[in-house]
């Protein structure tokens, strides 16, 4: 009887583990519902300087130092840098190619040469590649309050 009870308990735990969502949460816990595809964010932002949004996309790259930023693919092969509110959390460094949902504020920004070089250093770029950065970059950036990583 003990063996049957133990077997049933083990089987229940196994099934419960399989039934769990295969996701991880970082920062504020958010839900994936009503997320805007990253490819449509630029259109939604339009001429606004900023807007609150929930976005879904594919990770193109991640900060190799600590996971303190990620780049998400947008339309036409472009990417959008996503940072995390007040550096209050980071994402895993091994999520390139994974689907993410993030919620926060999208902004039309200009990133300075110094900051672009810092990001390139974090990404593990060579000194030669970093030296080629000579112009500020106008882009849409995102400050996320929370991120869901789909494993």
C-alpha atoms as a PDB file:
ATOM      1  CA  UNK A   1       0.000   0.000   0.000  1.00  0.00           C
ATOM      2  CA  UNK A   2       2.876   2.377   0.823  1.00  0.00           C
ATOM      3  CA  UNK A   3       4.384   1.741  -2.605  1.00  0.00           C
ATOM      4  CA  UNK A   4       1.118   2.482  -4.402  1.00  0.00           C
ATOM      5  CA  UNK A   5       0.648   5.679  -2.395  1.00  0.00           C
ATOM      6  CA  UNK A   6       4.244   6.744  -3.102  1.00  0.00           C
ATOM      7  CA  UNK A   7       3.825   5.938  -6.796  1.00  0.00           C
ATOM      8  CA  UNK A   8       0.582   7.946  -6.988  1.00  0.00           C
ATOM      9  CA  UNK A   9       2.175  10.923  -5.219  1.00  0.00           C
ATOM     10  CA  UNK A  10       5.217  10.810  -7.521  1.00  0.00           C
ATOM     11  CA  UNK A  11       3.010  10.566 -10.602  1.00  0.00           C
ATOM     12  CA  UNK A  12       0.921  13.523  -9.405  1.00  0.00           C
ATOM     13  CA  UNK A  13       4.015  15.674  -8.871  1.00  0.00           C
ATOM     14  CA  UNK A  14       5.354  14.693 -12.288  1.00  0.00           C
ATOM     15  CA  UNK A  15       2.087  15.629 -14.002  1.00  0.00           C
ATOM     16  CA  UNK A  16       1.916  18.920 -12.116  1.00  0.00           C
ATOM     17  CA  UNK A  17       5.433  19.778 -13.250  1.00  0.00           C
ATOM     18  CA  UNK A  18       4.511  19.086 -16.871  1.00  0.00           C
ATOM     19  CA  UNK A  19       1.377  21.194 -16.624  1.00  0.00           C
ATOM     20  CA  UNK A  20       3.253  24.322 -15.494  1.00  0.00           C
ATOM     21  CA  UNK A  21       3.884  27.074 -18.017  1.00  0.00           C
ATOM     22  CA  UNK A  22       7.360  26.844 -19.423  1.00  0.00           C
ATOM     23  CA  UNK A  23       8.102  30.524 -18.712  1.00  0.00           C
ATOM     24  CA  UNK A  24      10.155  32.642 -16.356  1.00  0.00           C
ATOM     25  CA  UNK A  25       9.158  36.019 -14.923  1.00  0.00           C
ATOM     26  CA  UNK A  26      11.526  38.926 -14.301  1.00  0.00           C
ATOM     27  CA  UNK A  27      10.670  42.203 -12.587  1.00  0.00           C
ATOM     28  CA  UNK A  28       6.994  43.000 -12.084  1.00  0.00           C
ATOM     29  CA  UNK A  29       4.831  39.950 -12.775  1.00  0.00           C
ATOM     30  CA  UNK A  30       2.884  40.590 -15.967  1.00  0.00           C
ATOM     31  CA  UNK A  31       0.549  38.562 -18.165  1.00  0.00           C
ATOM     32  CA  UNK A  32       1.050  37.824 -21.864  1.00  0.00           C
ATOM     33  CA  UNK A  33      -2.482  38.785 -22.910  1.00  0.00           C
ATOM     34  CA  UNK A  34      -3.048  41.641 -25.372  1.00  0.00           C
ATOM     35  CA  UNK A  35       0.656  42.014 -26.224  1.00  0.00           C
ATOM     36  CA  UNK A  36       1.424  44.013 -29.351  1.00  0.00           C
ATOM     37  CA  UNK A  37       3.843  42.375 -31.824  1.00  0.00           C
ATOM     38  CA  UNK A  38       7.198  44.222 -31.770  1.00  0.00           C
ATOM     39  CA  UNK A  39       6.895  44.640 -35.533  1.00  0.00           C
ATOM     40  CA  UNK A  40       3.858  46.916 -34.981  1.00  0.00           C
ATOM     41  CA  UNK A  41       5.214  49.076 -32.148  1.00  0.00           C
ATOM     42  CA  UNK A  42       6.744  51.767 -34.381  1.00  0.00           C
ATOM     43  CA  UNK A  43       3.434  52.266 -36.170  1.00  0.00           C
ATOM     44  CA  UNK A  44       1.523  52.510 -32.866  1.00  0.00           C
ATOM     45  CA  UNK A  45       4.045  54.976 -31.439  1.00  0.00           C
ATOM     46  CA  UNK A  46       3.718  57.187 -34.524  1.00  0.00           C
ATOM     47  CA  UNK A  47       4.738  60.770 -33.738  1.00  0.00           C
ATOM     48  CA  UNK A  48       4.336  60.386 -29.957  1.00  0.00           C
ATOM     49  CA  UNK A  49       7.448  60.828 -27.831  1.00  0.00           C
ATOM     50  CA  UNK A  50       6.461  57.915 -25.565  1.00  0.00           C
ATOM     51  CA  UNK A  51       3.655  55.482 -24.783  1.00  0.00           C
ATOM     52  CA  UNK A  52       2.896  52.665 -22.379  1.00  0.00           C
ATOM     53  CA  UNK A  53       2.700  49.261 -24.064  1.00  0.00           C
ATOM     54  CA  UNK A  54       2.884  45.508 -23.701  1.00  0.00           C
ATOM     55  CA  UNK A  55       5.000  44.013 -26.483  1.00  0.00           C
ATOM     56  CA  UNK A  56       5.894  40.532 -27.712  1.00  0.00           C
ATOM     57  CA  UNK A  57       8.939  39.702 -29.791  1.00  0.00           C
ATOM     58  CA  UNK A  58      12.036  37.608 -30.392  1.00  0.00           C
ATOM     59  CA  UNK A  59      15.307  38.327 -28.566  1.00  0.00           C
ATOM     60  CA  UNK A  60      18.144  39.171 -30.968  1.00  0.00           C
ATOM     61  CA  UNK A  61      20.881  39.783 -28.374  1.00  0.00           C
ATOM     62  CA  UNK A  62      21.432  40.198 -24.619  1.00  0.00           C
ATOM     63  CA  UNK A  63      24.001  42.012 -22.478  1.00  0.00           C
ATOM     64  CA  UNK A  64      26.756  39.449 -22.005  1.00  0.00           C
ATOM     65  CA  UNK A  65      27.914  41.044 -18.752  1.00  0.00           C
ATOM     66  CA  UNK A  66      24.792  40.616 -16.633  1.00  0.00           C
ATOM     67  CA  UNK A  67      21.619  40.502 -18.738  1.00  0.00           C
ATOM     68  CA  UNK A  68      21.014  44.210 -18.049  1.00  0.00           C
ATOM     69  CA  UNK A  69      19.500  44.839 -21.513  1.00  0.00           C
ATOM     70  CA  UNK A  70      18.212  42.905 -24.498  1.00  0.00           C
ATOM     71  CA  UNK A  71      17.541  43.728 -28.133  1.00  0.00           C
ATOM     72  CA  UNK A  72      14.270  42.579 -29.653  1.00  0.00           C
ATOM     73  CA  UNK A  73      13.653  42.216 -33.385  1.00  0.00           C
ATOM     74  CA  UNK A  74      11.299  44.774 -34.928  1.00  0.00           C
ATOM     75  CA  UNK A  75      10.224  45.399 -38.526  1.00  0.00           C
ATOM     76  CA  UNK A  76      12.633  45.274 -41.472  1.00  0.00           C
ATOM     77  CA  UNK A  77      15.475  43.536 -39.632  1.00  0.00           C
ATOM     78  CA  UNK A  78      15.850  46.364 -37.118  1.00  0.00           C
ATOM     79  CA  UNK A  79      16.096  45.909 -33.356  1.00  0.00           C
ATOM     80  CA  UNK A  80      14.887  47.783 -30.285  1.00  0.00           C
ATOM     81  CA  UNK A  81      16.925  48.018 -27.089  1.00  0.00           C
ATOM     82  CA  UNK A  82      14.966  47.040 -23.980  1.00  0.00           C
ATOM     83  CA  UNK A  83      16.341  48.066 -20.588  1.00  0.00           C
ATOM     84  CA  UNK A  84      14.830  47.349 -17.191  1.00  0.00           C
ATOM     85  CA  UNK A  85      13.262  49.908 -14.882  1.00  0.00           C
ATOM     86  CA  UNK A  86      15.777  51.305 -12.401  1.00  0.00           C
ATOM     87  CA  UNK A  87      18.067  48.312 -13.162  1.00  0.00           C
ATOM     88  CA  UNK A  88      15.800  46.555 -10.664  1.00  0.00           C
ATOM     89  CA  UNK A  89      16.065  43.203 -12.452  1.00  0.00           C
ATOM     90  CA  UNK A  90      17.903  41.479 -15.285  1.00  0.00           C
ATOM     91  CA  UNK A  91      17.094  38.704 -17.739  1.00  0.00           C
ATOM     92  CA  UNK A  92      19.044  35.467 -18.319  1.00  0.00           C
ATOM     93  CA  UNK A  93      22.006  35.850 -20.681  1.00  0.00           C
ATOM     94  CA  UNK A  94      21.061  32.754 -22.713  1.00  0.00           C
ATOM     95  CA  UNK A  95      17.711  33.851 -24.181  1.00  0.00           C
ATOM     96  CA  UNK A  96      18.766  34.800 -27.727  1.00  0.00           C
ATOM     97  CA  UNK A  97      16.132  33.492 -30.131  1.00  0.00           C
ATOM     98  CA  UNK A  98      13.481  33.093 -27.428  1.00  0.00           C
ATOM     99  CA  UNK A  99      10.074  34.757 -27.354  1.00  0.00           C
ATOM    100  CA  UNK A 100       9.538  37.435 -24.712  1.00  0.00           C
ATOM    101  CA  UNK A 101       6.660  39.603 -23.563  1.00  0.00           C
ATOM    102  CA  UNK A 102       7.527  42.861 -21.823  1.00  0.00           C
ATOM    103  CA  UNK A 103       5.505  45.726 -20.439  1.00  0.00           C
ATOM    104  CA  UNK A 104       6.552  49.308 -19.788  1.00  0.00           C
ATOM    105  CA  UNK A 105       7.254  52.494 -21.737  1.00  0.00           C
ATOM    106  CA  UNK A 106       8.359  52.866 -25.369  1.00  0.00           C
ATOM    107  CA  UNK A 107      10.226  56.084 -26.196  1.00  0.00           C
ATOM    108  CA  UNK A 108      11.609  57.785 -29.289  1.00  0.00           C
ATOM    109  CA  UNK A 109      15.213  58.484 -28.235  1.00  0.00           C
ATOM    110  CA  UNK A 110      18.642  59.537 -29.372  1.00  0.00           C
ATOM    111  CA  UNK A 111      21.454  57.414 -27.909  1.00  0.00           C
ATOM    112  CA  UNK A 112      24.831  59.134 -27.535  1.00  0.00           C
ATOM    113  CA  UNK A 113      28.063  57.787 -29.008  1.00  0.00           C
ATOM    114  CA  UNK A 114      29.423  57.147 -25.492  1.00  0.00           C
ATOM    115  CA  UNK A 115      26.386  55.108 -24.523  1.00  0.00           C
ATOM    116  CA  UNK A 116      26.435  53.165 -27.828  1.00  0.00           C
ATOM    117  CA  UNK A 117      30.091  52.331 -27.234  1.00  0.00           C
ATOM    118  CA  UNK A 118      29.262  51.188 -23.694  1.00  0.00           C
ATOM    119  CA  UNK A 119      26.532  48.898 -25.044  1.00  0.00           C
ATOM    120  CA  UNK A 120      28.920  47.539 -27.692  1.00  0.00           C
ATOM    121  CA  UNK A 121      31.455  46.765 -24.960  1.00  0.00           C
ATOM    122  CA  UNK A 122      28.752  44.982 -22.916  1.00  0.00           C
ATOM    123  CA  UNK A 123      27.875  42.954 -26.014  1.00  0.00           C
ATOM    124  CA  UNK A 124      31.487  41.766 -26.309  1.00  0.00           C
ATOM    125  CA  UNK A 125      32.341  43.726 -29.478  1.00  0.00           C
ATOM    126  CA  UNK A 126      35.993  44.189 -30.442  1.00  0.00           C
ATOM    127  CA  UNK A 127      37.855  47.475 -29.906  1.00  0.00           C
ATOM    128  CA  UNK A 128      37.851  47.989 -33.678  1.00  0.00           C
ATOM    129  CA  UNK A 129      34.069  47.607 -33.869  1.00  0.00           C
ATOM    130  CA  UNK A 130      33.601  49.974 -30.915  1.00  0.00           C
ATOM    131  CA  UNK A 131      35.867  52.602 -32.516  1.00  0.00           C
ATOM    132  CA  UNK A 132      33.647  52.598 -35.640  1.00  0.00           C
ATOM    133  CA  UNK A 133      30.758  54.022 -33.607  1.00  0.00           C
ATOM    134  CA  UNK A 134      30.922  57.738 -34.370  1.00  0.00           C
ATOM    135  CA  UNK A 135      27.309  58.909 -34.721  1.00  0.00           C
ATOM    136  CA  UNK A 136      24.453  59.045 -32.205  1.00  0.00           C
ATOM    137  CA  UNK A 137      21.534  56.723 -32.963  1.00  0.00           C
ATOM    138  CA  UNK A 138      17.883  57.720 -33.239  1.00  0.00           C
ATOM    139  CA  UNK A 139      15.651  54.807 -32.359  1.00  0.00           C
ATOM    140  CA  UNK A 140      12.760  53.525 -30.311  1.00  0.00           C
ATOM    141  CA  UNK A 141      13.858  52.219 -26.926  1.00  0.00           C
ATOM    142  CA  UNK A 142      11.853  50.512 -24.235  1.00  0.00           C
ATOM    143  CA  UNK A 143      12.051  50.565 -20.433  1.00  0.00           C
ATOM    144  CA  UNK A 144      10.352  47.436 -19.138  1.00  0.00           C
ATOM    145  CA  UNK A 145       8.711  47.003 -15.736  1.00  0.00           C
ATOM    146  CA  UNK A 146       8.382  43.244 -16.241  1.00  0.00           C
ATOM    147  CA  UNK A 147       9.420  40.536 -18.682  1.00  0.00           C
ATOM    148  CA  UNK A 148       8.157  37.041 -19.434  1.00  0.00           C
ATOM    149  CA  UNK A 149      10.627  34.695 -21.134  1.00  0.00           C
ATOM    150  CA  UNK A 150       9.128  31.718 -22.915  1.00  0.00           C
ATOM    151  CA  UNK A 151      11.550  28.795 -22.613  1.00  0.00           C
END
